Structures are given as structure tokens and as C-alpha cells.
Amino acid sequence: MRDKLKSLDYKNSVAFISRNASKELEKALDVELLRTSGLSGAKWKVVIALAIRNGISQKELADFLSLDASSLVPVIDRLEQDQFVTRKLDPKDRRNNRIFVTKKSESIVGSVVDAILNLRKIVYRNIPARDIETTKAVLEKITENAESFVLQKKHKNAKKSK
């Protein structure tokens, strides 16, 4: 069993390394954006997502951020309480709310984007642009392959259950 676990070499796997890089970038952004805009990680992500796709539903927002919709509710509640977002009933489906940024959010989006772009410069320092592009292409292909694998398995399981 030990030999099998050693062959796993998880600390050198692409998944482990990319997850660590992602988490460290997220921590760095959280620290910087809390300092500069007063927004925690969950809050600035919602504000930026809505700046990109304003007026989407809570479910669409959760999907956009790859979060569970129920975990997003308290974040939206706090943002609404702090007047960064507002909820409006969806005129096409009154069971759903649409989430919109407010003037207060709009006033900080530029500084949040600047902080993100500045951090990218810092963490990409001494890495050739071609290496960054290769990394993105490889990670996109891994994502595509994983998504394809999941769809195939779901399709096979659906056939078995019929």
C-alpha cells in the first residue's frame, strides 16, 4: 500500500500545484481587497461577478462563481445590508430575485480590478508570457478533459438506471 501511495506523489501533481497556486492568489487578493475596499473574499467576488453580469439570478450568480447557491445567500444579505447590491423580483418569474450592483459597488469596481491586475503583475514576475499562455492552455485542456469524463460517466450511469 505504501508503494502505491508513493506513486501518487500528490504534492507534484498538476491538480495539487494548481489548487495551491489558486488558493494563495485568492488569499493575497483577499488581504489586499479587504485593506483597499473593505470587502472580504466572498463579497468582492460577488461584486466583480455582478459588474460583469449585472442583474443575474442568485442561481446564475452561484453558477458563475462555482459556489453552492445556499452559501451565497448570507453573502448577498450582507452586501445588500451594506448597500453594495440590491435584489429585485424577476418580472418573468416572481419566485426569483435578480441581483444588481449599486452606485456604491460601481464606485469601487475600478479599484478592485486595479488590485487584481496589480497582483497578477506581482505573481507573474519573471515568468515569460509564453509560459503563462502555455499554462492557461494546459489547464483549460485538463478542465475540458475532466468535464468530458464526468459527462460520459453521468451518461453511462443514466443508461444503467433505466
C-alpha atoms as a PDB file:
ATOM      1  CA  MET A   1       0.000   0.000   0.000  1.00  0.00           C
ATOM      2  CA  ARG A   2       2.825   2.432   0.850  1.00  0.00           C
ATOM      3  CA  ASP A   3       4.349   1.964  -2.612  1.00  0.00           C
ATOM      4  CA  LYS A   4       1.013   2.679  -4.201  1.00  0.00           C
ATOM      5  CA  LEU A   5       0.655   5.881  -2.145  1.00  0.00           C
ATOM      6  CA  LYS A   6       4.216   6.947  -3.020  1.00  0.00           C
ATOM      7  CA  SER A   7       3.406   6.558  -6.706  1.00  0.00           C
ATOM      8  CA  LEU A   8       0.552   9.000  -6.209  1.00  0.00           C
ATOM      9  CA  ASP A   9       3.106  11.766  -5.462  1.00  0.00           C
ATOM     10  CA  TYR A  10       0.222  14.161  -4.842  1.00  0.00           C
ATOM     11  CA  LYS A  11       2.423  17.165  -3.996  1.00  0.00           C
ATOM     12  CA  ASN A  12       3.837  17.077  -7.523  1.00  0.00           C
ATOM     13  CA  SER A  13       0.502  16.607  -9.267  1.00  0.00           C
ATOM     14  CA  VAL A  14      -0.829  19.345 -11.528  1.00  0.00           C
ATOM     15  CA  ALA A  15      -4.081  19.360  -9.553  1.00  0.00           C
ATOM     16  CA  PHE A  16      -2.336  19.890  -6.204  1.00  0.00           C
ATOM     17  CA  ILE A  17       0.020  22.567  -7.546  1.00  0.00           C
ATOM     18  CA  SER A  18      -2.711  24.476  -9.416  1.00  0.00           C
ATOM     19  CA  ARG A  19      -5.038  24.299  -6.393  1.00  0.00           C
ATOM     20  CA  ASN A  20      -2.294  25.652  -4.122  1.00  0.00           C
ATOM     21  CA  ALA A  21      -1.470  28.447  -6.562  1.00  0.00           C
ATOM     22  CA  SER A  22      -5.155  29.337  -6.822  1.00  0.00           C
ATOM     23  CA  LYS A  23      -5.646  29.355  -3.046  1.00  0.00           C
ATOM     24  CA  GLU A  24      -2.541  31.512  -2.476  1.00  0.00           C
ATOM     25  CA  LEU A  25      -3.656  34.005  -5.143  1.00  0.00           C
ATOM     26  CA  GLU A  26      -7.088  34.118  -3.565  1.00  0.00           C
ATOM     27  CA  LYS A  27      -5.590  34.740  -0.096  1.00  0.00           C
ATOM     28  CA  ALA A  28      -3.386  37.526  -1.457  1.00  0.00           C
ATOM     29  CA  LEU A  29      -6.356  39.170  -3.165  1.00  0.00           C
ATOM     30  CA  ASP A  30      -8.482  38.792  -0.047  1.00  0.00           C
ATOM     31  CA  VAL A  31      -5.839  40.552   2.065  1.00  0.00           C
ATOM     32  CA  GLU A  32      -5.356  43.346  -0.469  1.00  0.00           C
ATOM     33  CA  LEU A  33      -9.036  43.931  -1.196  1.00  0.00           C
ATOM     34  CA  LEU A  34     -10.032  43.867   2.453  1.00  0.00           C
ATOM     35  CA  ARG A  35      -7.370  46.543   3.009  1.00  0.00           C
ATOM     36  CA  THR A  36      -8.235  48.704  -0.004  1.00  0.00           C
ATOM     37  CA  SER A  37     -12.011  48.286  -0.375  1.00  0.00           C
ATOM     38  CA  GLY A  38     -13.172  46.761   2.900  1.00  0.00           C
ATOM     39  CA  LEU A  39     -14.589  43.752   1.071  1.00  0.00           C
ATOM     40  CA  SER A  40     -13.892  40.172   2.129  1.00  0.00           C
ATOM     41  CA  GLY A  41     -13.186  37.487  -0.449  1.00  0.00           C
ATOM     42  CA  ALA A  42     -16.742  36.332  -0.897  1.00  0.00           C
ATOM     43  CA  LYS A  43     -18.015  39.902  -1.174  1.00  0.00           C
ATOM     44  CA  TRP A  44     -15.544  41.219  -3.751  1.00  0.00           C
ATOM     45  CA  LYS A  45     -16.114  38.145  -5.917  1.00  0.00           C
ATOM     46  CA  VAL A  46     -19.863  38.799  -5.967  1.00  0.00           C
ATOM     47  CA  VAL A  47     -19.365  42.496  -6.746  1.00  0.00           C
ATOM     48  CA  ILE A  48     -16.996  41.717  -9.641  1.00  0.00           C
ATOM     49  CA  ALA A  49     -19.255  38.933 -10.955  1.00  0.00           C
ATOM     50  CA  LEU A  50     -22.195  41.344 -10.951  1.00  0.00           C
ATOM     51  CA  ALA A  51     -20.107  44.065 -12.569  1.00  0.00           C
ATOM     52  CA  ILE A  52     -19.517  41.568 -15.373  1.00  0.00           C
ATOM     53  CA  ARG A  53     -23.092  40.179 -15.468  1.00  0.00           C
ATOM     54  CA  ASN A  54     -25.360  42.589 -13.616  1.00  0.00           C
ATOM     55  CA  GLY A  55     -28.941  41.565 -12.931  1.00  0.00           C
ATOM     56  CA  ILE A  56     -28.470  37.805 -12.897  1.00  0.00           C
ATOM     57  CA  SER A  57     -30.371  35.478 -10.589  1.00  0.00           C
ATOM     58  CA  GLN A  58     -28.868  34.032  -7.396  1.00  0.00           C
ATOM     59  CA  LYS A  59     -28.607  30.637  -9.097  1.00  0.00           C
ATOM     60  CA  GLU A  60     -26.852  32.140 -12.143  1.00  0.00           C
ATOM     61  CA  LEU A  61     -24.526  34.033  -9.819  1.00  0.00           C
ATOM     62  CA  ALA A  62     -23.721  30.867  -7.857  1.00  0.00           C
ATOM     63  CA  ASP A  63     -23.024  29.003 -11.109  1.00  0.00           C
ATOM     64  CA  PHE A  64     -20.862  31.869 -12.392  1.00  0.00           C
ATOM     65  CA  LEU A  65     -18.806  31.779  -9.178  1.00  0.00           C
ATOM     66  CA  SER A  66     -18.857  27.951  -8.921  1.00  0.00           C
ATOM     67  CA  LEU A  67     -20.476  28.138  -5.499  1.00  0.00           C
ATOM     68  CA  ASP A  68     -23.414  26.466  -3.820  1.00  0.00           C
ATOM     69  CA  ALA A  69     -26.408  28.811  -4.072  1.00  0.00           C
ATOM     70  CA  SER A  70     -27.270  28.399  -0.378  1.00  0.00           C
ATOM     71  CA  SER A  71     -23.787  29.539   0.709  1.00  0.00           C
ATOM     72  CA  LEU A  72     -24.208  32.677  -1.380  1.00  0.00           C
ATOM     73  CA  VAL A  73     -27.387  33.856   0.378  1.00  0.00           C
ATOM     74  CA  PRO A  74     -25.687  35.249   3.540  1.00  0.00           C
ATOM     75  CA  VAL A  75     -23.047  36.995   1.399  1.00  0.00           C
ATOM     76  CA  ILE A  76     -25.738  38.679  -0.695  1.00  0.00           C
ATOM     77  CA  ASP A  77     -27.641  39.539   2.511  1.00  0.00           C
ATOM     78  CA  ARG A  78     -24.547  41.315   3.916  1.00  0.00           C
ATOM     79  CA  LEU A  79     -23.817  43.069   0.625  1.00  0.00           C
ATOM     80  CA  GLU A  80     -27.414  44.256   0.446  1.00  0.00           C
ATOM     81  CA  GLN A  81     -27.300  45.424   4.069  1.00  0.00           C
ATOM     82  CA  ASP A  82     -24.096  47.361   3.268  1.00  0.00           C
ATOM     83  CA  GLN A  83     -25.773  48.793   0.137  1.00  0.00           C
ATOM     84  CA  PHE A  84     -23.403  47.171  -2.383  1.00  0.00           C
ATOM     85  CA  VAL A  85     -26.184  45.207  -4.106  1.00  0.00           C
ATOM     86  CA  THR A  86     -29.932  45.249  -4.394  1.00  0.00           C
ATOM     87  CA  ARG A  87     -32.388  42.445  -5.067  1.00  0.00           C
ATOM     88  CA  LYS A  88     -35.329  42.897  -7.397  1.00  0.00           C
ATOM     89  CA  LEU A  89     -38.065  40.413  -8.212  1.00  0.00           C
ATOM     90  CA  ASP A  90     -37.646  38.847 -11.626  1.00  0.00           C
ATOM     91  CA  PRO A  91     -40.560  40.173 -13.708  1.00  0.00           C
ATOM     92  CA  LYS A  92     -40.664  36.891 -15.677  1.00  0.00           C
ATOM     93  CA  ASP A  93     -40.587  34.643 -12.602  1.00  0.00           C
ATOM     94  CA  ARG A  94     -41.566  36.277  -9.328  1.00  0.00           C
ATOM     95  CA  ARG A  95     -40.110  33.326  -7.368  1.00  0.00           C
ATOM     96  CA  ASN A  96     -36.631  34.509  -8.357  1.00  0.00           C
ATOM     97  CA  ASN A  97     -34.644  37.558  -7.420  1.00  0.00           C
ATOM     98  CA  ARG A  98     -32.267  39.341  -9.737  1.00  0.00           C
ATOM     99  CA  ILE A  99     -29.178  40.852  -8.109  1.00  0.00           C
ATOM    100  CA  PHE A 100     -27.870  44.260  -9.168  1.00  0.00           C
ATOM    101  CA  VAL A 101     -24.855  46.317  -8.195  1.00  0.00           C
ATOM    102  CA  THR A 102     -25.486  49.732  -6.678  1.00  0.00           C
ATOM    103  CA  LYS A 103     -23.675  53.023  -7.209  1.00  0.00           C
ATOM    104  CA  LYS A 104     -21.594  52.149  -4.141  1.00  0.00           C
ATOM    105  CA  SER A 105     -20.350  48.962  -5.828  1.00  0.00           C
ATOM    106  CA  GLU A 106     -19.793  50.730  -9.121  1.00  0.00           C
ATOM    107  CA  SER A 107     -17.578  53.246  -7.333  1.00  0.00           C
ATOM    108  CA  ILE A 108     -15.144  50.549  -6.152  1.00  0.00           C
ATOM    109  CA  VAL A 109     -15.081  48.190  -9.143  1.00  0.00           C
ATOM    110  CA  GLY A 110     -12.224  50.109 -10.767  1.00  0.00           C
ATOM    111  CA  SER A 111     -10.007  49.856  -7.686  1.00  0.00           C
ATOM    112  CA  VAL A 112     -10.827  46.143  -7.276  1.00  0.00           C
ATOM    113  CA  VAL A 113      -9.879  45.478 -10.900  1.00  0.00           C
ATOM    114  CA  ASP A 114      -6.682  47.521 -10.434  1.00  0.00           C
ATOM    115  CA  ALA A 115      -5.765  45.424  -7.376  1.00  0.00           C
ATOM    116  CA  ILE A 116      -6.364  42.191  -9.303  1.00  0.00           C
ATOM    117  CA  LEU A 117      -4.270  43.361 -12.264  1.00  0.00           C
ATOM    118  CA  ASN A 118      -1.504  44.597  -9.955  1.00  0.00           C
ATOM    119  CA  LEU A 119      -1.364  41.273  -8.122  1.00  0.00           C
ATOM    120  CA  ARG A 120      -1.147  39.459 -11.462  1.00  0.00           C
ATOM    121  CA  LYS A 121       1.919  41.549 -12.333  1.00  0.00           C
ATOM    122  CA  ILE A 122       3.484  40.658  -8.992  1.00  0.00           C
ATOM    123  CA  VAL A 123       2.853  36.919  -9.173  1.00  0.00           C
ATOM    124  CA  TYR A 124       3.679  36.611 -12.897  1.00  0.00           C
ATOM    125  CA  ARG A 125       7.007  38.409 -12.395  1.00  0.00           C
ATOM    126  CA  ASN A 126       9.955  36.621 -14.046  1.00  0.00           C
ATOM    127  CA  ILE A 127       7.639  34.204 -15.865  1.00  0.00           C
ATOM    128  CA  PRO A 128       7.765  34.554 -19.654  1.00  0.00           C
ATOM    129  CA  ALA A 129       4.412  35.412 -21.252  1.00  0.00           C
ATOM    130  CA  ARG A 130       4.616  32.269 -23.399  1.00  0.00           C
ATOM    131  CA  ASP A 131       4.846  30.154 -20.221  1.00  0.00           C
ATOM    132  CA  ILE A 132       1.747  31.867 -18.812  1.00  0.00           C
ATOM    133  CA  GLU A 133      -0.113  31.181 -22.084  1.00  0.00           C
ATOM    134  CA  THR A 134       1.036  27.545 -22.121  1.00  0.00           C
ATOM    135  CA  THR A 135      -0.062  27.098 -18.508  1.00  0.00           C
ATOM    136  CA  LYS A 136      -3.505  28.514 -19.255  1.00  0.00           C
ATOM    137  CA  ALA A 137      -3.884  26.308 -22.341  1.00  0.00           C
ATOM    138  CA  VAL A 138      -2.852  23.173 -20.438  1.00  0.00           C
ATOM    139  CA  LEU A 139      -5.177  23.905 -17.504  1.00  0.00           C
ATOM    140  CA  GLU A 140      -8.059  24.633 -19.900  1.00  0.00           C
ATOM    141  CA  LYS A 141      -7.448  21.298 -21.646  1.00  0.00           C
ATOM    142  CA  ILE A 142      -7.322  19.452 -18.307  1.00  0.00           C
ATOM    143  CA  THR A 143     -10.623  21.110 -17.354  1.00  0.00           C
ATOM    144  CA  GLU A 144     -12.175  20.165 -20.685  1.00  0.00           C
ATOM    145  CA  ASN A 145     -10.999  16.549 -20.332  1.00  0.00           C
ATOM    146  CA  ALA A 146     -12.312  16.308 -16.765  1.00  0.00           C
ATOM    147  CA  GLU A 147     -15.687  17.772 -17.774  1.00  0.00           C
ATOM    148  CA  SER A 148     -15.898  15.301 -20.656  1.00  0.00           C
ATOM    149  CA  PHE A 149     -15.072  12.420 -18.312  1.00  0.00           C
ATOM    150  CA  VAL A 150     -17.811  13.473 -15.873  1.00  0.00           C
ATOM    151  CA  LEU A 151     -20.390  13.803 -18.669  1.00  0.00           C
ATOM    152  CA  GLN A 152     -19.505  10.359 -20.024  1.00  0.00           C
ATOM    153  CA  LYS A 153     -19.844   8.777 -16.584  1.00  0.00           C
ATOM    154  CA  LYS A 154     -23.167  10.536 -15.942  1.00  0.00           C
ATOM    155  CA  HIS A 155     -24.430   9.371 -19.327  1.00  0.00           C
ATOM    156  CA  LYS A 156     -23.381   5.756 -18.613  1.00  0.00           C
ATOM    157  CA  ASN A 157     -24.985   5.882 -15.144  1.00  0.00           C
ATOM    158  CA  ALA A 158     -28.200   7.294 -16.594  1.00  0.00           C
ATOM    159  CA  LYS A 159     -28.363   4.426 -19.110  1.00  0.00           C
ATOM    160  CA  LYS A 160     -27.779   1.847 -16.335  1.00  0.00           C
ATOM    161  CA  SER A 161     -30.581   3.227 -14.183  1.00  0.00           C
ATOM    162  CA  LYS A 162     -33.196   2.924 -16.966  1.00  0.00           C
END
